[in-house]
């Protein structure tokens, strides 16, 4: 099954299913069962909330910067390499991952962290799928872009 808009055919459904699994595990463990939240006693709530706020602020920046460049439902005719795309190849996915991680840190739920790992693997898979499509559509321009930017973390280049 091919998807002409550049997204994995099961990407949206997978994201939705994983969202509901994460929320169920996070709420159950963080607020009711407390099976894996023992680290919350060792890390002050203020520290955890600051980390959550940092994750949310970074997500806001990534979404705001990327959304200004993306025309939803339209395939671009060039490689996007400005705004958040100047730093990472998948800023919207990264923002979502940061929200999951921030929520996990806020309640120190290790079960939620395990679900986060699965979610990261899923996002990494669909990002790889999309990158193969971009390689085909944009050729050398996209390959050059990939050398300059990281998939999830910015690449820092020294003075050249």
N, C-alpha and C. Protein backbone atom coordinates (compact mmCIF):
# COMPACT_ATOMS: atom_id res chain seq x y z
N UNK A 1 0.85 -1.18 0.00
CA UNK A 1 0.00 0.00 0.00
C UNK A 1 0.89 1.24 0.00
N UNK A 2 0.75 2.08 -1.01
CA UNK A 2 1.57 3.28 -1.10
C UNK A 2 0.76 4.50 -0.72
N UNK A 3 1.46 5.46 -0.18
CA UNK A 3 0.84 6.70 0.23
C UNK A 3 1.58 7.83 -0.46
N UNK A 4 0.90 8.57 -1.30
CA UNK A 4 1.56 9.59 -2.12
C UNK A 4 1.89 10.86 -1.38
N UNK A 5 1.37 11.06 -0.18
CA UNK A 5 1.64 12.31 0.52
C UNK A 5 2.91 12.26 1.37
N UNK A 6 3.63 11.15 1.33
CA UNK A 6 4.91 11.07 2.03
C UNK A 6 4.85 10.50 3.42
N UNK A 7 3.70 10.01 3.84
CA UNK A 7 3.58 9.43 5.17
C UNK A 7 3.39 7.92 5.05
N UNK A 8 3.82 7.22 6.07
CA UNK A 8 3.62 5.77 6.10
C UNK A 8 2.12 5.49 6.11
N UNK A 9 1.68 4.48 5.35
CA UNK A 9 0.23 4.20 5.30
C UNK A 9 -0.41 3.90 6.65
N UNK A 10 0.36 3.38 7.60
CA UNK A 10 -0.19 3.07 8.92
C UNK A 10 0.31 4.05 9.98
N UNK A 11 0.97 5.12 9.55
CA UNK A 11 1.54 6.08 10.48
C UNK A 11 0.53 6.73 11.39
N UNK A 12 -0.56 7.24 10.83
CA UNK A 12 -1.57 7.92 11.65
C UNK A 12 -2.25 6.96 12.62
N UNK A 13 -2.62 5.78 12.12
CA UNK A 13 -3.28 4.79 12.98
C UNK A 13 -2.33 4.33 14.09
N UNK A 14 -1.08 4.10 13.74
CA UNK A 14 -0.10 3.67 14.74
C UNK A 14 0.12 4.73 15.81
N UNK A 15 0.20 5.99 15.39
CA UNK A 15 0.38 7.07 16.35
C UNK A 15 -0.82 7.15 17.30
N UNK A 16 -2.00 7.00 16.78
CA UNK A 16 -3.21 7.09 17.61
C UNK A 16 -3.28 5.92 18.60
N UNK A 17 -3.00 4.73 18.13
CA UNK A 17 -3.02 3.55 19.01
C UNK A 17 -1.98 3.70 20.12
N UNK A 18 -0.77 4.11 19.75
CA UNK A 18 0.29 4.27 20.76
C UNK A 18 -0.03 5.40 21.73
N UNK A 19 -0.69 6.44 21.27
CA UNK A 19 -1.12 7.53 22.16
C UNK A 19 -2.05 6.98 23.24
N UNK A 20 -3.05 6.21 22.84
CA UNK A 20 -4.01 5.68 23.82
C UNK A 20 -3.35 4.68 24.77
N UNK A 21 -2.43 3.88 24.25
CA UNK A 21 -1.71 2.95 25.13
C UNK A 21 -0.89 3.74 26.14
N UNK A 22 -0.16 4.77 25.66
CA UNK A 22 0.65 5.57 26.57
C UNK A 22 -0.22 6.21 27.65
N UNK A 23 -1.31 6.86 27.25
CA UNK A 23 -2.18 7.54 28.21
C UNK A 23 -2.72 6.55 29.24
N UNK A 24 -3.14 5.38 28.79
CA UNK A 24 -3.67 4.39 29.71
C UNK A 24 -2.61 3.95 30.73
N UNK A 25 -1.41 3.66 30.24
CA UNK A 25 -0.34 3.22 31.13
C UNK A 25 0.09 4.35 32.05
N UNK A 26 0.26 5.55 31.49
CA UNK A 26 0.71 6.69 32.28
C UNK A 26 -0.27 7.04 33.40
N UNK A 27 -1.55 7.13 33.06
CA UNK A 27 -2.56 7.47 34.07
C UNK A 27 -2.65 6.36 35.12
N UNK A 28 -2.73 5.11 34.67
CA UNK A 28 -2.88 4.00 35.61
C UNK A 28 -1.70 3.92 36.57
N UNK A 29 -0.48 4.00 36.03
CA UNK A 29 0.69 3.86 36.89
C UNK A 29 0.97 5.12 37.71
N UNK A 30 0.81 6.28 37.09
CA UNK A 30 1.17 7.53 37.77
C UNK A 30 0.19 7.95 38.85
N UNK A 31 -1.09 7.63 38.67
CA UNK A 31 -2.09 8.18 39.57
C UNK A 31 -2.88 7.14 40.36
N UNK A 32 -2.78 5.88 39.98
CA UNK A 32 -3.56 4.87 40.69
C UNK A 32 -2.71 3.73 41.24
N UNK A 33 -1.99 3.04 40.39
CA UNK A 33 -1.27 1.84 40.82
C UNK A 33 0.08 2.13 41.47
N UNK A 34 0.78 3.11 40.98
CA UNK A 34 2.11 3.50 41.48
C UNK A 34 3.08 2.32 41.52
N UNK A 35 3.04 1.46 40.52
CA UNK A 35 3.90 0.27 40.48
C UNK A 35 5.35 0.62 40.16
N UNK A 36 5.55 1.64 39.31
CA UNK A 36 6.92 1.93 38.89
C UNK A 36 7.32 3.39 39.11
N UNK A 37 6.66 4.06 40.02
CA UNK A 37 6.93 5.48 40.25
C UNK A 37 7.78 5.74 41.49
N UNK A 38 8.50 4.74 41.93
CA UNK A 38 9.29 4.88 43.15
C UNK A 38 10.37 5.95 43.02
N UNK A 39 10.83 6.25 41.80
CA UNK A 39 11.85 7.30 41.63
C UNK A 39 11.31 8.69 41.95
N UNK A 40 10.00 8.84 41.93
CA UNK A 40 9.41 10.14 42.24
C UNK A 40 9.76 10.59 43.66
N UNK A 41 10.02 9.63 44.54
CA UNK A 41 10.40 9.99 45.92
C UNK A 41 11.83 10.53 45.99
N UNK A 42 12.63 10.22 44.99
CA UNK A 42 14.04 10.63 44.99
C UNK A 42 14.30 11.92 44.21
N UNK A 43 13.44 12.22 43.25
CA UNK A 43 13.61 13.43 42.44
C UNK A 43 12.50 14.40 42.80
N UNK A 44 12.86 15.58 43.30
CA UNK A 44 11.84 16.54 43.73
C UNK A 44 10.85 16.88 42.62
N UNK A 45 9.61 17.08 43.00
CA UNK A 45 8.56 17.43 42.05
C UNK A 45 8.92 18.68 41.26
N UNK A 46 9.51 19.66 41.92
CA UNK A 46 9.89 20.91 41.24
C UNK A 46 10.86 20.64 40.09
N UNK A 47 11.81 19.75 40.29
CA UNK A 47 12.76 19.40 39.22
C UNK A 47 12.03 18.73 38.08
N UNK A 48 11.15 17.79 38.42
CA UNK A 48 10.40 17.07 37.38
C UNK A 48 9.50 18.01 36.59
N UNK A 49 8.89 18.97 37.29
CA UNK A 49 8.01 19.92 36.59
C UNK A 49 8.79 20.90 35.72
N UNK A 50 9.97 21.27 36.15
CA UNK A 50 10.83 22.12 35.31
C UNK A 50 11.21 21.38 34.03
N UNK A 51 11.55 20.11 34.15
CA UNK A 51 11.87 19.30 32.97
C UNK A 51 10.66 19.15 32.05
N UNK A 52 9.48 18.98 32.64
CA UNK A 52 8.25 18.93 31.85
C UNK A 52 8.04 20.25 31.11
N UNK A 53 8.21 21.36 31.81
CA UNK A 53 8.04 22.68 31.19
C UNK A 53 9.04 22.89 30.07
N UNK A 54 10.27 22.45 30.26
CA UNK A 54 11.28 22.57 29.22
C UNK A 54 10.88 21.75 27.99
N UNK A 55 10.39 20.54 28.21
CA UNK A 55 9.94 19.69 27.10
C UNK A 55 8.77 20.35 26.36
N UNK A 56 7.83 20.91 27.11
CA UNK A 56 6.67 21.56 26.50
C UNK A 56 7.06 22.82 25.73
N UNK A 57 7.98 23.61 26.29
CA UNK A 57 8.43 24.82 25.59
C UNK A 57 9.15 24.44 24.29
N UNK A 58 10.01 23.43 24.35
CA UNK A 58 10.72 22.99 23.15
C UNK A 58 9.74 22.48 22.11
N UNK A 59 8.73 21.74 22.56
CA UNK A 59 7.70 21.25 21.65
C UNK A 59 6.96 22.41 21.01
N UNK A 60 6.59 23.40 21.79
CA UNK A 60 5.91 24.58 21.25
C UNK A 60 6.77 25.24 20.18
N UNK A 61 8.06 25.42 20.45
CA UNK A 61 8.97 26.02 19.47
C UNK A 61 9.02 25.19 18.19
N UNK A 62 9.19 23.88 18.34
CA UNK A 62 9.29 23.01 17.16
C UNK A 62 8.01 23.07 16.34
N UNK A 63 6.86 22.98 17.00
CA UNK A 63 5.58 23.00 16.28
C UNK A 63 5.37 24.34 15.59
N UNK A 64 5.62 25.42 16.30
CA UNK A 64 5.41 26.76 15.74
C UNK A 64 6.32 26.99 14.54
N UNK A 65 7.57 26.62 14.68
CA UNK A 65 8.54 26.82 13.61
C UNK A 65 8.25 25.93 12.40
N UNK A 66 7.89 24.67 12.65
CA UNK A 66 7.64 23.75 11.55
C UNK A 66 6.30 24.02 10.88
N UNK A 67 5.29 24.33 11.67
CA UNK A 67 3.95 24.55 11.11
C UNK A 67 3.91 25.74 10.17
N UNK A 68 4.76 26.73 10.42
CA UNK A 68 4.80 27.90 9.55
C UNK A 68 5.31 27.55 8.16
N UNK A 69 6.00 26.43 8.03
CA UNK A 69 6.58 26.04 6.75
C UNK A 69 5.79 24.98 6.01
N UNK A 70 4.97 24.25 6.73
CA UNK A 70 4.26 23.12 6.13
C UNK A 70 2.87 23.54 5.69
N UNK A 71 2.53 23.19 4.48
CA UNK A 71 1.18 23.38 3.99
C UNK A 71 0.52 22.02 4.05
N UNK A 72 -0.30 21.80 5.08
CA UNK A 72 -0.86 20.48 5.36
C UNK A 72 -1.59 19.94 4.14
N UNK A 73 -1.27 18.70 3.79
CA UNK A 73 -1.91 18.04 2.67
C UNK A 73 -1.26 18.33 1.34
N UNK A 74 -0.28 19.22 1.30
CA UNK A 74 0.41 19.52 0.06
C UNK A 74 1.83 19.02 0.14
N UNK A 75 2.25 18.35 -0.91
CA UNK A 75 3.63 17.90 -1.00
C UNK A 75 4.50 19.07 -1.44
N UNK A 76 5.60 19.25 -0.76
CA UNK A 76 6.51 20.34 -1.09
C UNK A 76 7.29 20.00 -2.36
N UNK A 77 7.68 21.02 -3.08
CA UNK A 77 8.48 20.81 -4.29
C UNK A 77 9.96 21.05 -4.05
N UNK A 78 10.33 21.20 -2.78
CA UNK A 78 11.73 21.41 -2.42
C UNK A 78 11.96 20.89 -1.00
N UNK A 79 13.21 20.72 -0.64
CA UNK A 79 13.58 20.26 0.70
C UNK A 79 13.40 21.41 1.67
N UNK A 80 12.63 21.20 2.73
CA UNK A 80 12.47 22.21 3.77
C UNK A 80 13.70 22.17 4.67
N UNK A 81 14.43 23.28 4.71
CA UNK A 81 15.66 23.31 5.50
C UNK A 81 15.78 24.61 6.29
N UNK A 82 14.64 25.21 6.62
CA UNK A 82 14.65 26.42 7.43
C UNK A 82 13.80 26.18 8.67
N UNK A 83 13.79 27.15 9.56
CA UNK A 83 13.02 26.98 10.80
C UNK A 83 13.54 25.78 11.57
N UNK A 84 12.64 25.04 12.19
CA UNK A 84 13.03 23.85 12.95
C UNK A 84 13.66 22.79 12.06
N UNK A 85 13.27 22.77 10.77
CA UNK A 85 13.84 21.80 9.84
C UNK A 85 15.33 22.05 9.57
N UNK A 86 15.81 23.22 9.94
CA UNK A 86 17.24 23.52 9.79
C UNK A 86 18.05 22.71 10.80
N UNK A 87 17.42 22.32 11.90
CA UNK A 87 18.13 21.64 12.99
C UNK A 87 17.89 20.14 13.02
N UNK A 88 16.66 19.71 12.78
CA UNK A 88 16.32 18.28 12.79
C UNK A 88 15.38 17.98 11.62
N UNK A 89 15.43 16.74 11.15
CA UNK A 89 14.63 16.37 9.98
C UNK A 89 13.16 16.11 10.31
N UNK A 90 12.84 15.84 11.55
CA UNK A 90 11.47 15.51 11.92
C UNK A 90 11.04 16.29 13.16
N UNK A 91 10.94 17.62 13.07
CA UNK A 91 10.63 18.42 14.26
C UNK A 91 9.25 18.14 14.86
N UNK A 92 8.28 17.82 14.04
CA UNK A 92 6.94 17.54 14.59
C UNK A 92 6.94 16.23 15.37
N UNK A 93 7.56 15.21 14.82
CA UNK A 93 7.67 13.94 15.53
C UNK A 93 8.49 14.13 16.81
N UNK A 94 9.57 14.88 16.73
CA UNK A 94 10.40 15.13 17.90
C UNK A 94 9.59 15.83 18.99
N UNK A 95 8.76 16.79 18.60
CA UNK A 95 7.92 17.48 19.57
C UNK A 95 6.98 16.53 20.29
N UNK A 96 6.37 15.64 19.54
CA UNK A 96 5.47 14.65 20.15
C UNK A 96 6.25 13.76 21.12
N UNK A 97 7.42 13.32 20.70
CA UNK A 97 8.24 12.48 21.58
C UNK A 97 8.62 13.21 22.86
N UNK A 98 8.90 14.49 22.76
CA UNK A 98 9.24 15.28 23.94
C UNK A 98 8.06 15.41 24.90
N UNK A 99 6.86 15.50 24.37
CA UNK A 99 5.67 15.55 25.24
C UNK A 99 5.55 14.25 26.02
N UNK A 100 5.68 13.13 25.32
CA UNK A 100 5.63 11.84 26.00
C UNK A 100 6.71 11.75 27.08
N UNK A 101 7.92 12.14 26.72
CA UNK A 101 9.03 12.07 27.67
C UNK A 101 8.81 13.02 28.85
N UNK A 102 8.33 14.22 28.59
CA UNK A 102 8.05 15.18 29.66
C UNK A 102 7.01 14.67 30.63
N UNK A 103 5.95 14.06 30.10
CA UNK A 103 4.91 13.51 30.98
C UNK A 103 5.47 12.36 31.81
N UNK A 104 6.30 11.55 31.18
CA UNK A 104 6.92 10.43 31.88
C UNK A 104 7.82 10.92 33.01
N UNK A 105 8.63 11.93 32.73
CA UNK A 105 9.53 12.48 33.75
C UNK A 105 8.73 13.13 34.88
N UNK A 106 7.65 13.81 34.54
CA UNK A 106 6.86 14.51 35.55
C UNK A 106 6.34 13.58 36.63
N UNK A 107 6.01 12.35 36.26
CA UNK A 107 5.48 11.42 37.26
C UNK A 107 6.46 10.29 37.58
N UNK A 108 7.61 10.27 36.88
CA UNK A 108 8.65 9.26 37.11
C UNK A 108 8.13 7.83 36.96
N UNK A 109 7.28 7.63 35.96
CA UNK A 109 6.72 6.30 35.72
C UNK A 109 7.63 5.51 34.78
N UNK A 110 8.25 4.47 35.31
CA UNK A 110 9.12 3.63 34.49
C UNK A 110 8.33 2.82 33.47
N UNK A 111 7.10 2.44 33.80
CA UNK A 111 6.26 1.75 32.81
C UNK A 111 5.98 2.66 31.63
N UNK A 112 5.74 3.92 31.92
CA UNK A 112 5.52 4.89 30.83
C UNK A 112 6.78 5.07 30.00
N UNK A 113 7.93 5.02 30.66
CA UNK A 113 9.19 5.13 29.95
C UNK A 113 9.37 3.96 28.98
N UNK A 114 8.94 2.78 29.39
CA UNK A 114 9.01 1.61 28.51
C UNK A 114 8.11 1.82 27.28
N UNK A 115 6.92 2.37 27.51
CA UNK A 115 6.02 2.67 26.37
C UNK A 115 6.65 3.74 25.49
N UNK A 116 7.33 4.72 26.09
CA UNK A 116 8.03 5.76 25.32
C UNK A 116 9.08 5.14 24.40
N UNK A 117 9.77 4.12 24.89
CA UNK A 117 10.79 3.46 24.07
C UNK A 117 10.14 2.81 22.85
N UNK A 118 9.00 2.18 23.04
CA UNK A 118 8.27 1.58 21.92
C UNK A 118 7.82 2.67 20.94
N UNK A 119 7.33 3.76 21.48
CA UNK A 119 6.87 4.88 20.64
C UNK A 119 8.05 5.44 19.84
N UNK A 120 9.20 5.59 20.47
CA UNK A 120 10.39 6.07 19.76
C UNK A 120 10.75 5.12 18.61
N UNK A 121 10.72 3.84 18.87
CA UNK A 121 11.01 2.86 17.80
C UNK A 121 10.02 3.01 16.64
N UNK A 122 8.75 3.19 16.97
CA UNK A 122 7.73 3.37 15.93
C UNK A 122 8.00 4.64 15.12
N UNK A 123 8.23 5.76 15.81
CA UNK A 123 8.49 7.01 15.10
C UNK A 123 9.77 6.92 14.27
N UNK A 124 10.78 6.24 14.78
CA UNK A 124 12.01 6.06 14.04
C UNK A 124 11.75 5.26 12.76
N UNK A 125 10.90 4.25 12.86
CA UNK A 125 10.54 3.44 11.69
C UNK A 125 9.80 4.28 10.64
N UNK A 126 8.78 5.04 11.06
CA UNK A 126 8.04 5.81 10.06
C UNK A 126 8.88 6.98 9.52
N UNK A 127 9.78 7.51 10.34
CA UNK A 127 10.67 8.57 9.85
C UNK A 127 11.60 8.00 8.78
N UNK A 128 12.12 6.80 8.99
CA UNK A 128 12.97 6.15 7.99
C UNK A 128 12.22 5.90 6.70
N UNK A 129 10.97 5.46 6.81
CA UNK A 129 10.13 5.24 5.64
C UNK A 129 9.98 6.55 4.84
N UNK A 130 9.67 7.63 5.56
CA UNK A 130 9.48 8.92 4.91
C UNK A 130 10.78 9.43 4.29
N UNK A 131 11.90 9.18 4.95
CA UNK A 131 13.18 9.62 4.41
C UNK A 131 13.53 8.90 3.11
N UNK A 132 13.16 7.63 3.00
CA UNK A 132 13.39 6.91 1.74
C UNK A 132 12.58 7.54 0.61
N UNK A 133 11.35 7.94 0.92
CA UNK A 133 10.54 8.62 -0.09
C UNK A 133 11.19 9.95 -0.50
N UNK A 134 11.66 10.70 0.49
CA UNK A 134 12.29 11.99 0.21
C UNK A 134 13.56 11.81 -0.62
N UNK A 135 14.32 10.77 -0.32
CA UNK A 135 15.51 10.49 -1.14
C UNK A 135 15.11 10.33 -2.61
N UNK A 136 14.02 9.61 -2.84
CA UNK A 136 13.56 9.39 -4.21
C UNK A 136 13.01 10.66 -4.86
N UNK A 137 12.32 11.47 -4.10
CA UNK A 137 11.72 12.68 -4.66
C UNK A 137 12.74 13.79 -4.90
N UNK A 138 13.66 13.97 -3.96
CA UNK A 138 14.55 15.13 -4.01
C UNK A 138 16.01 14.80 -4.30
N UNK A 139 16.34 13.51 -4.35
CA UNK A 139 17.68 13.09 -4.75
C UNK A 139 18.80 13.67 -3.91
N UNK A 140 19.77 14.23 -4.61
CA UNK A 140 20.99 14.73 -3.97
C UNK A 140 20.71 15.86 -2.98
N UNK A 141 19.71 16.68 -3.26
CA UNK A 141 19.38 17.78 -2.34
C UNK A 141 18.99 17.23 -0.97
N UNK A 142 18.23 16.14 -0.94
CA UNK A 142 17.82 15.57 0.34
C UNK A 142 18.98 14.84 1.01
N UNK A 143 19.80 14.16 0.22
CA UNK A 143 20.97 13.47 0.79
C UNK A 143 21.91 14.48 1.44
N UNK A 144 22.10 15.63 0.81
CA UNK A 144 22.93 16.69 1.38
C UNK A 144 22.30 17.23 2.67
N UNK A 145 20.99 17.41 2.66
CA UNK A 145 20.26 17.88 3.85
C UNK A 145 20.44 16.89 5.01
N UNK A 146 20.36 15.59 4.71
CA UNK A 146 20.52 14.57 5.75
C UNK A 146 21.92 14.61 6.36
N UNK A 147 22.93 14.95 5.56
CA UNK A 147 24.30 15.03 6.08
C UNK A 147 24.44 16.21 7.05
N UNK A 148 23.65 17.28 6.83
CA UNK A 148 23.76 18.48 7.66
C UNK A 148 22.90 18.42 8.91
N UNK A 149 21.85 17.62 8.91
CA UNK A 149 20.91 17.61 10.03
C UNK A 149 20.76 16.21 10.61
N UNK A 150 20.43 16.16 11.88
CA UNK A 150 20.17 14.88 12.52
C UNK A 150 18.69 14.54 12.43
N UNK A 151 18.42 13.26 12.52
CA UNK A 151 17.02 12.83 12.48
C UNK A 151 16.29 13.33 13.72
N UNK A 152 16.90 13.16 14.89
CA UNK A 152 16.25 13.54 16.15
C UNK A 152 17.00 14.63 16.91
N UNK A 153 18.31 14.65 16.81
CA UNK A 153 19.12 15.63 17.52
C UNK A 153 19.89 16.47 16.51
N UNK A 154 20.03 17.76 16.79
CA UNK A 154 20.80 18.61 15.86
C UNK A 154 22.25 18.15 15.77
N UNK A 155 22.81 18.32 14.59
CA UNK A 155 24.24 18.07 14.42
C UNK A 155 24.94 19.41 14.58
N UNK A 156 25.99 19.39 15.35
CA UNK A 156 26.76 20.61 15.56
C UNK A 156 28.03 20.51 14.76
N UNK A 157 28.20 21.45 13.86
CA UNK A 157 29.38 21.46 12.99
C UNK A 157 30.35 22.51 13.48
N UNK A 158 31.59 22.14 13.59
CA UNK A 158 32.62 23.09 13.98
C UNK A 158 32.89 24.08 12.86
N UNK A 159 33.74 25.03 13.12
CA UNK A 159 34.10 26.00 12.08
C UNK A 159 34.84 25.28 10.96
N UNK A 160 34.36 25.49 9.76
CA UNK A 160 34.99 24.84 8.60
C UNK A 160 35.54 25.86 7.67
